[in-house]
């Protein structure tokens, strides 16, 4: 049960770390689309 809690915590942490990168990439593609 403890392993499950640690796994969920780590996956949430990884998601929080990946979200800014995803939004940065999305914003970059969005600005390129608008300028074209």
C-alpha atoms as a PDB file:
ATOM      1  CA  UNK A   1       0.000   0.000   0.000  1.00  0.00           C
ATOM      2  CA  UNK A   2       2.884   2.349   0.788  1.00  0.00           C
ATOM      3  CA  UNK A   3       4.461   1.629  -2.589  1.00  0.00           C
ATOM      4  CA  UNK A   4       1.235   2.637  -4.317  1.00  0.00           C
ATOM      5  CA  UNK A   5       1.203   5.991  -2.522  1.00  0.00           C
ATOM      6  CA  UNK A   6       4.835   6.632  -3.480  1.00  0.00           C
ATOM      7  CA  UNK A   7       4.124   5.655  -7.093  1.00  0.00           C
ATOM      8  CA  UNK A   8       1.132   8.029  -7.291  1.00  0.00           C
ATOM      9  CA  UNK A   9       3.178  10.830  -5.727  1.00  0.00           C
ATOM     10  CA  UNK A  10       6.018  10.314  -8.195  1.00  0.00           C
ATOM     11  CA  UNK A  11       3.700  10.193 -11.194  1.00  0.00           C
ATOM     12  CA  UNK A  12       2.009  13.409 -10.074  1.00  0.00           C
ATOM     13  CA  UNK A  13       5.393  15.037  -9.609  1.00  0.00           C
ATOM     14  CA  UNK A  14       6.467  13.928 -13.074  1.00  0.00           C
ATOM     15  CA  UNK A  15       3.210  15.263 -14.526  1.00  0.00           C
ATOM     16  CA  UNK A  16       3.758  18.629 -12.826  1.00  0.00           C
ATOM     17  CA  UNK A  17       7.288  18.731 -14.225  1.00  0.00           C
ATOM     18  CA  UNK A  18       6.136  17.838 -17.743  1.00  0.00           C
ATOM     19  CA  UNK A  19       3.213  20.287 -17.899  1.00  0.00           C
ATOM     20  CA  UNK A  20       5.241  23.527 -18.201  1.00  0.00           C
ATOM     21  CA  UNK A  21       7.336  21.991 -20.979  1.00  0.00           C
ATOM     22  CA  UNK A  22       4.149  20.907 -22.768  1.00  0.00           C
ATOM     23  CA  UNK A  23       2.586  24.354 -22.460  1.00  0.00           C
ATOM     24  CA  UNK A  24       5.824  25.981 -23.629  1.00  0.00           C
ATOM     25  CA  UNK A  25       5.845  23.764 -26.705  1.00  0.00           C
ATOM     26  CA  UNK A  26       2.136  24.413 -27.307  1.00  0.00           C
ATOM     27  CA  UNK A  27       2.669  28.177 -26.994  1.00  0.00           C
ATOM     28  CA  UNK A  28       5.615  28.027 -29.390  1.00  0.00           C
ATOM     29  CA  UNK A  29       3.584  26.143 -31.990  1.00  0.00           C
ATOM     30  CA  UNK A  30       0.650  28.513 -31.410  1.00  0.00           C
ATOM     31  CA  UNK A  31       2.730  31.641 -32.040  1.00  0.00           C
ATOM     32  CA  UNK A  32       4.247  30.091 -35.157  1.00  0.00           C
ATOM     33  CA  UNK A  33       0.748  29.248 -36.408  1.00  0.00           C
ATOM     34  CA  UNK A  34      -0.454  32.809 -35.778  1.00  0.00           C
ATOM     35  CA  UNK A  35       2.503  34.409 -37.546  1.00  0.00           C
ATOM     36  CA  UNK A  36       2.252  32.229 -40.635  1.00  0.00           C
END
